Amino acid sequence: MIYQDALAELSEVFARIDDGAVDAANAMIAGAGRIVVFGGGRERLQIMGFAMRLYHMGLDVAVEGDMTTPPLGPGDLFVVTCGPGYISTAFALMQVAREAGARTLLITAQPGGRCAALADYVLLLPAQTMADDQGEKKTSVLPMGSLFEGALFVLFEVMILKLIATLKIAPEAMRARHTNME
């Protein structure tokens, strides 16, 4: 069945991920002052969910593009997801963050892409994106960048679990920060 094929592909992504690299990315997050996140398209949906959980943990986090996004500077972190390795918006924003003195963390499937050159740290998430979804490069039953986007969800949830343990965040504290405006 197609469900098992998609799940097997996700499993293969995580069989190839470097857990030490995930821990290093989490150390950057845990040590940051302010955190601003960015992703384009469907990746944006995943990183917005990640930002929500970081907020629930009590971290100072915003999503780039929101009217309440604070300025970044030294001690702050800009977290970018760019599966295909380059989109012009991510590249431009990474330059702005860098010039302001903030560190940048890039999550990508294409560590040789142009955005990686601007990153202080690159976390490789080895999954098909729109950079390799056609012809002989295509490896996933899922369309376009869906495997990367689905893997982002799982990665972010595991990163949150690790951060909860590292920062000793109580579940009750997270729940208390959940909106009551639903």
Protein backbone atom coordinates (compact mmCIF):
# COMPACT_ATOMS: atom_id res chain seq x y z
CA MET A 1 0.00 0.00 0.00
CA ILE A 2 1.06 3.55 -0.66
CA TYR A 3 0.85 4.43 3.06
CA GLN A 4 3.54 1.90 3.90
CA ASP A 5 5.69 3.16 1.02
CA ALA A 6 5.51 6.74 2.29
CA LEU A 7 6.21 5.67 5.89
CA ALA A 8 9.14 3.52 4.74
CA GLU A 9 10.61 6.53 2.95
CA LEU A 10 10.29 8.64 6.09
CA SER A 11 11.93 5.86 8.08
CA GLU A 12 14.82 5.79 5.60
CA VAL A 13 15.33 9.54 5.99
CA PHE A 14 15.71 9.15 9.74
CA ALA A 15 17.93 6.09 9.39
CA ARG A 16 20.36 8.40 7.55
CA ILE A 17 20.14 11.51 9.74
CA ASP A 18 23.07 12.44 11.98
CA ASP A 19 21.63 12.59 15.51
CA GLY A 20 24.72 14.44 16.72
CA ALA A 21 24.01 17.14 14.13
CA VAL A 22 20.45 17.42 15.45
CA ASP A 23 21.85 17.85 18.96
CA ALA A 24 24.22 20.58 17.73
CA ALA A 25 21.30 22.41 16.09
CA ASN A 26 19.33 22.11 19.32
CA ALA A 27 22.26 23.54 21.28
CA MET A 28 22.12 26.61 19.06
CA ILE A 29 18.40 26.97 19.75
CA ALA A 30 18.78 26.42 23.50
CA GLY A 31 21.54 29.02 23.69
CA ALA A 32 19.88 31.70 21.59
CA GLY A 33 18.44 34.96 22.82
CA ARG A 34 15.72 35.62 20.30
CA ILE A 35 14.80 33.07 17.64
CA VAL A 36 13.18 33.90 14.32
CA VAL A 37 12.17 31.13 11.92
CA PHE A 38 11.59 31.12 8.17
CA GLY A 39 10.45 28.64 5.58
CA GLY A 40 8.84 29.06 2.19
CA GLY A 41 5.72 27.35 0.89
CA ARG A 42 4.77 24.14 2.66
CA GLU A 43 8.02 24.20 4.61
CA ARG A 44 6.69 27.37 6.20
CA LEU A 45 3.75 25.42 7.62
CA GLN A 46 6.12 22.97 9.30
CA ILE A 47 8.44 25.59 10.77
CA MET A 48 5.47 27.60 12.05
CA GLY A 49 4.41 24.54 14.03
CA PHE A 50 7.96 24.27 15.35
CA ALA A 51 7.89 27.94 16.40
CA MET A 52 4.60 27.33 18.21
CA ARG A 53 6.16 24.52 20.26
CA LEU A 54 9.24 26.64 21.01
CA TYR A 55 6.87 29.34 22.26
CA HIS A 56 5.03 26.78 24.41
CA MET A 57 8.43 25.97 25.93
CA GLY A 58 8.85 29.63 26.90
CA LEU A 59 11.47 30.55 24.31
CA ASP A 60 11.50 33.99 22.68
CA VAL A 61 10.48 33.01 19.14
CA ALA A 62 8.78 34.62 16.15
CA VAL A 63 7.94 33.70 12.58
CA GLU A 64 9.56 35.91 9.96
CA GLY A 65 6.92 37.96 8.18
CA ASP A 66 4.62 38.35 11.16
CA MET A 67 4.05 41.98 12.13
CA THR A 68 5.36 41.25 15.63
CA THR A 69 8.71 39.82 14.48
CA PRO A 70 11.46 41.52 16.50
CA PRO A 71 14.82 42.59 15.11
CA LEU A 72 17.65 40.11 15.37
CA GLY A 73 21.17 40.86 16.56
CA PRO A 74 24.15 39.33 18.34
CA GLY A 75 23.17 36.35 20.49
CA ASP A 76 20.06 35.70 18.39
CA LEU A 77 19.34 32.88 15.95
CA PHE A 78 17.67 32.76 12.55
CA VAL A 79 16.42 29.24 11.75
CA VAL A 80 15.75 28.61 8.07
CA THR A 81 14.39 25.60 6.30
CA CYS A 82 15.25 25.44 2.61
CA GLY A 83 15.03 21.89 1.33
CA PRO A 84 16.23 22.56 -2.21
CA GLY A 85 19.25 24.50 -0.96
CA TYR A 86 18.31 27.88 -2.38
CA ILE A 87 15.35 30.18 -2.65
CA SER A 88 15.96 33.86 -3.11
CA THR A 89 13.90 34.94 -0.10
CA ALA A 90 15.75 32.62 2.29
CA PHE A 91 19.10 33.76 0.91
CA ALA A 92 18.24 37.45 1.27
CA LEU A 93 16.91 37.02 4.82
CA MET A 94 19.95 35.01 5.85
CA GLN A 95 22.13 37.89 4.64
CA VAL A 96 20.10 40.38 6.69
CA ALA A 97 20.33 38.23 9.84
CA ARG A 98 24.04 37.70 9.35
CA GLU A 99 24.71 41.42 8.82
CA ALA A 100 22.78 42.13 12.05
CA GLY A 101 25.09 39.78 13.95
CA ALA A 102 22.67 36.90 14.43
CA ARG A 103 23.69 33.31 13.86
CA THR A 104 21.93 31.24 11.21
CA LEU A 105 20.87 27.60 11.28
CA LEU A 106 19.89 26.08 7.94
CA ILE A 107 17.92 22.85 7.60
CA THR A 108 18.22 21.49 4.07
CA ALA A 109 18.47 18.42 1.89
CA GLN A 110 21.01 20.17 -0.34
CA PRO A 111 24.01 21.16 1.80
CA GLY A 112 25.87 22.30 -1.33
CA GLY A 113 23.19 24.88 -2.14
CA ARG A 114 23.78 28.62 -2.08
CA CYS A 115 22.04 29.15 1.27
CA ALA A 116 24.48 26.82 3.05
CA ALA A 117 27.32 29.25 2.34
CA LEU A 118 25.58 31.83 4.57
CA ALA A 119 24.74 29.46 7.41
CA ASP A 120 26.67 29.18 10.65
CA TYR A 121 25.43 25.61 10.86
CA VAL A 122 23.79 23.29 8.32
CA LEU A 123 21.58 20.43 9.46
CA LEU A 124 21.18 17.88 6.67
CA LEU A 125 17.73 16.31 6.36
CA PRO A 126 18.32 13.74 3.58
CA ALA A 127 14.99 13.69 1.77
CA GLN A 128 13.74 14.37 -1.74
CA THR A 129 12.83 17.99 -2.46
CA MET A 130 11.80 19.89 -5.56
CA ALA A 131 15.52 20.06 -6.40
CA ASP A 132 15.54 16.32 -7.16
CA ASP A 133 11.94 15.21 -7.80
CA GLN A 134 12.15 14.52 -11.52
CA GLY A 135 13.75 11.97 -13.81
CA GLU A 136 16.47 9.71 -12.48
CA LYS A 137 16.85 11.79 -9.31
CA LYS A 138 13.26 11.07 -8.18
CA THR A 139 13.26 8.62 -5.28
CA SER A 140 9.95 9.20 -3.48
CA VAL A 141 6.41 8.03 -4.15
CA LEU A 142 5.35 11.40 -2.73
CA PRO A 143 5.17 14.40 -5.08
CA MET A 144 7.64 17.25 -5.32
CA GLY A 145 9.06 18.16 -1.88
CA SER A 146 6.50 16.28 0.22
CA LEU A 147 9.00 13.80 1.64
CA PHE A 148 11.19 16.64 2.94
CA GLU A 149 8.17 18.50 4.31
CA GLY A 150 6.84 15.41 6.09
CA ALA A 151 10.31 14.67 7.46
CA LEU A 152 10.48 18.26 8.78
CA PHE A 153 7.40 17.61 10.90
CA VAL A 154 8.94 14.51 12.46
CA LEU A 155 12.35 16.18 12.87
CA PHE A 156 10.84 19.20 14.60
CA GLU A 157 8.83 17.04 17.00
CA VAL A 158 11.94 15.06 17.95
CA MET A 159 13.91 18.29 18.36
CA ILE A 160 11.20 19.55 20.71
CA LEU A 161 11.36 16.33 22.75
CA LYS A 162 15.12 16.71 23.05
CA LEU A 163 14.83 20.40 23.99
CA ILE A 164 12.22 19.61 26.64
CA ALA A 165 14.68 17.19 28.24
CA THR A 166 17.67 19.53 27.90
CA LEU A 167 15.89 22.60 29.22
CA LYS A 168 13.88 20.62 31.79
CA ILE A 169 10.54 22.01 30.66
CA ALA A 170 7.50 20.65 32.50
CA PRO A 171 4.51 19.58 30.41
CA GLU A 172 2.30 21.73 32.66
CA ALA A 173 4.39 24.81 31.81
CA MET A 174 3.96 24.15 28.09
CA ARG A 175 0.23 23.60 28.44
CA ALA A 176 -0.10 26.85 30.43
CA ARG A 177 1.36 28.77 27.46
CA HIS A 178 -1.13 27.30 24.98
CA THR A 179 -3.62 29.81 23.67
CA ASN A 180 -7.05 30.08 25.21
CA MET A 181 -8.32 31.91 22.11
CA GLU A 182 -9.46 28.82 20.21
